[in-house]
């Protein structure tokens, strides 16, 4: 529901009624006074105030509602906290059966993140970068990626052979690159297109 017409004894009470129905606030709504109403005299000739309130487009809130709906359809009881840092939006998901949302190696979570980014930017005034995090999964994944990078780098340096990693999201590839910046025995680069783009860890001296 994006628009409500409400009545009240005064314009203010009519607006409050409309905002309550829309579950929004004044700064997130456009208020049109249709009729200011009339007090009348001794109860006669009075007329209720009438307002039309339109909920303004809030891309972040729409994306949150979209995620809550997806969680419900997947049988997940979730609570979502939104963290806004400029153009970067993080949706922190907590609740029951969160593993369903994460999926194998975060594949389901990554897919939901991609779709949510499309939803939030569909009518947004600026472009948002979206991250979905579920029960601290991103932090655990980052630590696992750093450990993987160090282990594979050591193997590449020891064997003198290039080693390709599995395809990853750009944000995960950045973690790998950053983790090995100070590792002087190897270099890293990305190859492949779209979903097949992956990192190669190569020794400086190939045997």
Foldseek 3Di string as FASTA:
>chain_A
DFKDKAWDQAPVVRVVVGCVVVVHDPVQKDKAWPARWAPDDPPPPTGITMMMIGGHDDLVVQLVVVVCVVCVVVVWDWDWDWDDDPQEIETEIEGPPCCSCQDDLRPNQVVSQVVSQCSSPVDDPDRHRYHYHYPNPVVVSLVVLLVVLVVVLVVQLVQLAKDWDFFDDPVSVVSSQVSCVVVPQWHKDWDDDDRRITMIIGGPGHD
